[in-house]
């Protein structure tokens, strides 16, 4: 069973930055699609950013130019660098892996990001 463990959430003032990390318990395959989702209170979970090796990262419009997804396969870690944070970025952030080779997908337990003054 593959496990994903997120960290890096917390309280930050508007305009600040945070970097979320997601450590994967197994090796990350080249064709694995790694992604970050978020869910704000009362809202549905939404895709924030996704990354597949050899392709351009994809971002939801509200975070383009502010967030960057990256992965370090050697460290089995995926990152989400979040800059210029806004109160509307407040949510629980979840790491997700879609393993194309096995037809499976996995979720982390989430890390909370609160943007408030």
C-alpha atoms as a PDB file:
ATOM      1  CA  UNK A   1       0.000   0.000   0.000  1.00  0.00           C
ATOM      2  CA  UNK A   2       1.415   3.338  -1.053  1.00  0.00           C
ATOM      3  CA  UNK A   3       1.223   6.112   1.529  1.00  0.00           C
ATOM      4  CA  UNK A   4       1.461   9.852   1.006  1.00  0.00           C
ATOM      5  CA  UNK A   5       2.323  12.138   3.902  1.00  0.00           C
ATOM      6  CA  UNK A   6       1.944  15.892   3.567  1.00  0.00           C
ATOM      7  CA  UNK A   7       3.582  18.566   5.666  1.00  0.00           C
ATOM      8  CA  UNK A   8       4.263  22.278   5.580  1.00  0.00           C
ATOM      9  CA  UNK A   9       0.846  23.738   6.220  1.00  0.00           C
ATOM     10  CA  UNK A  10       0.211  26.433   8.782  1.00  0.00           C
ATOM     11  CA  UNK A  11      -0.922  29.980   9.403  1.00  0.00           C
ATOM     12  CA  UNK A  12       0.474  32.679   7.150  1.00  0.00           C
ATOM     13  CA  UNK A  13      -0.379  36.317   6.537  1.00  0.00           C
ATOM     14  CA  UNK A  14      -1.751  37.461   3.193  1.00  0.00           C
ATOM     15  CA  UNK A  15       1.079  37.931   0.737  1.00  0.00           C
ATOM     16  CA  UNK A  16       3.199  35.329   2.465  1.00  0.00           C
ATOM     17  CA  UNK A  17       4.589  32.023   1.237  1.00  0.00           C
ATOM     18  CA  UNK A  18       4.488  28.382   2.229  1.00  0.00           C
ATOM     19  CA  UNK A  19       5.973  25.251   0.744  1.00  0.00           C
ATOM     20  CA  UNK A  20       4.034  22.034   1.089  1.00  0.00           C
ATOM     21  CA  UNK A  21       5.797  18.697   0.857  1.00  0.00           C
ATOM     22  CA  UNK A  22       4.400  15.258   0.103  1.00  0.00           C
ATOM     23  CA  UNK A  23       6.577  12.257   0.827  1.00  0.00           C
ATOM     24  CA  UNK A  24       5.629   9.050  -0.967  1.00  0.00           C
ATOM     25  CA  UNK A  25       6.330   5.697   0.695  1.00  0.00           C
ATOM     26  CA  UNK A  26       7.302   4.046  -2.584  1.00  0.00           C
ATOM     27  CA  UNK A  27       9.306   5.108  -5.578  1.00  0.00           C
ATOM     28  CA  UNK A  28       7.605   7.574  -7.863  1.00  0.00           C
ATOM     29  CA  UNK A  29       7.293   6.130 -11.340  1.00  0.00           C
ATOM     30  CA  UNK A  30       7.955   8.326 -14.333  1.00  0.00           C
ATOM     31  CA  UNK A  31       4.351   8.002 -15.527  1.00  0.00           C
ATOM     32  CA  UNK A  32       2.807   8.703 -12.123  1.00  0.00           C
ATOM     33  CA  UNK A  33       0.694  11.836 -12.164  1.00  0.00           C
ATOM     34  CA  UNK A  34       1.298  13.803  -8.989  1.00  0.00           C
ATOM     35  CA  UNK A  35      -1.155  16.465  -7.949  1.00  0.00           C
ATOM     36  CA  UNK A  36      -2.269  18.778  -5.181  1.00  0.00           C
ATOM     37  CA  UNK A  37      -5.933  19.299  -4.404  1.00  0.00           C
ATOM     38  CA  UNK A  38      -7.554  21.539  -1.839  1.00  0.00           C
ATOM     39  CA  UNK A  39     -10.856  21.691  -0.045  1.00  0.00           C
ATOM     40  CA  UNK A  40     -12.145  24.758   1.715  1.00  0.00           C
ATOM     41  CA  UNK A  41     -14.925  24.499   4.314  1.00  0.00           C
ATOM     42  CA  UNK A  42     -18.260  23.995   2.596  1.00  0.00           C
ATOM     43  CA  UNK A  43     -16.649  23.547  -0.806  1.00  0.00           C
ATOM     44  CA  UNK A  44     -15.879  20.589  -3.003  1.00  0.00           C
ATOM     45  CA  UNK A  45     -12.349  19.357  -3.364  1.00  0.00           C
ATOM     46  CA  UNK A  46     -10.667  21.024  -6.312  1.00  0.00           C
ATOM     47  CA  UNK A  47      -7.553  20.320  -8.330  1.00  0.00           C
ATOM     48  CA  UNK A  48      -4.880  22.934  -7.703  1.00  0.00           C
ATOM     49  CA  UNK A  49      -1.902  21.655  -9.684  1.00  0.00           C
ATOM     50  CA  UNK A  50      -0.760  18.490 -11.407  1.00  0.00           C
ATOM     51  CA  UNK A  51       2.528  17.265 -12.767  1.00  0.00           C
ATOM     52  CA  UNK A  52       3.539  14.489 -15.113  1.00  0.00           C
ATOM     53  CA  UNK A  53       7.116  13.937 -16.182  1.00  0.00           C
ATOM     54  CA  UNK A  54       7.826  15.321 -19.637  1.00  0.00           C
ATOM     55  CA  UNK A  55       4.760  17.548 -19.706  1.00  0.00           C
ATOM     56  CA  UNK A  56       4.026  21.072 -18.572  1.00  0.00           C
ATOM     57  CA  UNK A  57       2.494  21.382 -15.149  1.00  0.00           C
ATOM     58  CA  UNK A  58      -1.178  22.271 -15.009  1.00  0.00           C
ATOM     59  CA  UNK A  59      -2.700  24.805 -12.619  1.00  0.00           C
ATOM     60  CA  UNK A  60      -6.144  25.983 -11.784  1.00  0.00           C
ATOM     61  CA  UNK A  61      -6.617  29.562 -12.953  1.00  0.00           C
ATOM     62  CA  UNK A  62      -6.791  31.062  -9.469  1.00  0.00           C
ATOM     63  CA  UNK A  63      -3.235  29.988  -8.596  1.00  0.00           C
ATOM     64  CA  UNK A  64      -1.443  30.490 -11.924  1.00  0.00           C
ATOM     65  CA  UNK A  65       1.657  32.618 -11.470  1.00  0.00           C
ATOM     66  CA  UNK A  66       1.631  32.139  -7.704  1.00  0.00           C
ATOM     67  CA  UNK A  67       1.929  28.390  -7.104  1.00  0.00           C
ATOM     68  CA  UNK A  68       4.522  25.975  -8.465  1.00  0.00           C
ATOM     69  CA  UNK A  69       4.371  22.188  -8.337  1.00  0.00           C
ATOM     70  CA  UNK A  70       7.569  20.204  -8.540  1.00  0.00           C
ATOM     71  CA  UNK A  71       8.789  16.718  -7.795  1.00  0.00           C
ATOM     72  CA  UNK A  72      12.042  15.098  -6.780  1.00  0.00           C
ATOM     73  CA  UNK A  73      11.762  11.428  -7.698  1.00  0.00           C
ATOM     74  CA  UNK A  74      15.020  10.586  -5.950  1.00  0.00           C
ATOM     75  CA  UNK A  75      13.639  11.958  -2.682  1.00  0.00           C
ATOM     76  CA  UNK A  76      10.172  10.529  -3.419  1.00  0.00           C
ATOM     77  CA  UNK A  77       8.777  13.963  -2.691  1.00  0.00           C
ATOM     78  CA  UNK A  78       6.384  16.347  -4.379  1.00  0.00           C
ATOM     79  CA  UNK A  79       6.276  20.022  -3.496  1.00  0.00           C
ATOM     80  CA  UNK A  80       3.841  22.867  -3.831  1.00  0.00           C
ATOM     81  CA  UNK A  81       5.460  26.266  -3.508  1.00  0.00           C
ATOM     82  CA  UNK A  82       2.783  28.822  -2.732  1.00  0.00           C
ATOM     83  CA  UNK A  83       3.589  32.520  -3.012  1.00  0.00           C
ATOM     84  CA  UNK A  84       1.486  35.664  -2.697  1.00  0.00           C
ATOM     85  CA  UNK A  85      -1.032  33.775  -0.635  1.00  0.00           C
ATOM     86  CA  UNK A  86      -4.551  35.111  -0.336  1.00  0.00           C
ATOM     87  CA  UNK A  87      -7.264  34.463   2.249  1.00  0.00           C
ATOM     88  CA  UNK A  88      -9.182  32.509  -0.395  1.00  0.00           C
ATOM     89  CA  UNK A  89      -6.307  30.020  -0.529  1.00  0.00           C
ATOM     90  CA  UNK A  90      -7.300  28.874   2.949  1.00  0.00           C
ATOM     91  CA  UNK A  91      -8.101  25.161   2.733  1.00  0.00           C
ATOM     92  CA  UNK A  92      -6.982  21.666   3.525  1.00  0.00           C
ATOM     93  CA  UNK A  93      -4.431  20.663   0.902  1.00  0.00           C
ATOM     94  CA  UNK A  94      -4.164  17.061  -0.233  1.00  0.00           C
ATOM     95  CA  UNK A  95      -1.461  15.263  -2.151  1.00  0.00           C
ATOM     96  CA  UNK A  96      -2.673  12.807  -4.780  1.00  0.00           C
ATOM     97  CA  UNK A  97      -0.906  10.225  -6.893  1.00  0.00           C
ATOM     98  CA  UNK A  98      -2.371   8.480  -9.908  1.00  0.00           C
ATOM     99  CA  UNK A  99      -0.340   5.430 -10.797  1.00  0.00           C
ATOM    100  CA  UNK A 100      -1.042   4.805 -14.461  1.00  0.00           C
ATOM    101  CA  UNK A 101       0.968   1.565 -14.491  1.00  0.00           C
ATOM    102  CA  UNK A 102      -1.249  -0.056 -11.864  1.00  0.00           C
ATOM    103  CA  UNK A 103      -4.530   1.754 -12.449  1.00  0.00           C
ATOM    104  CA  UNK A 104      -4.553   2.941  -8.844  1.00  0.00           C
ATOM    105  CA  UNK A 105      -4.653   6.242  -7.024  1.00  0.00           C
ATOM    106  CA  UNK A 106      -3.711   7.380  -3.553  1.00  0.00           C
ATOM    107  CA  UNK A 107      -4.440  10.311  -1.223  1.00  0.00           C
ATOM    108  CA  UNK A 108      -2.574  11.852   1.635  1.00  0.00           C
ATOM    109  CA  UNK A 109      -4.255  12.825   4.883  1.00  0.00           C
ATOM    110  CA  UNK A 110      -4.092  16.557   4.142  1.00  0.00           C
ATOM    111  CA  UNK A 111      -2.383  19.579   5.628  1.00  0.00           C
ATOM    112  CA  UNK A 112      -4.200  22.753   6.591  1.00  0.00           C
ATOM    113  CA  UNK A 113      -3.256  26.135   5.185  1.00  0.00           C
ATOM    114  CA  UNK A 114      -4.764  29.231   6.761  1.00  0.00           C
ATOM    115  CA  UNK A 115      -4.138  32.645   5.246  1.00  0.00           C
ATOM    116  CA  UNK A 116      -5.188  35.364   7.640  1.00  0.00           C
ATOM    117  CA  UNK A 117      -3.942  38.561   9.201  1.00  0.00           C
END
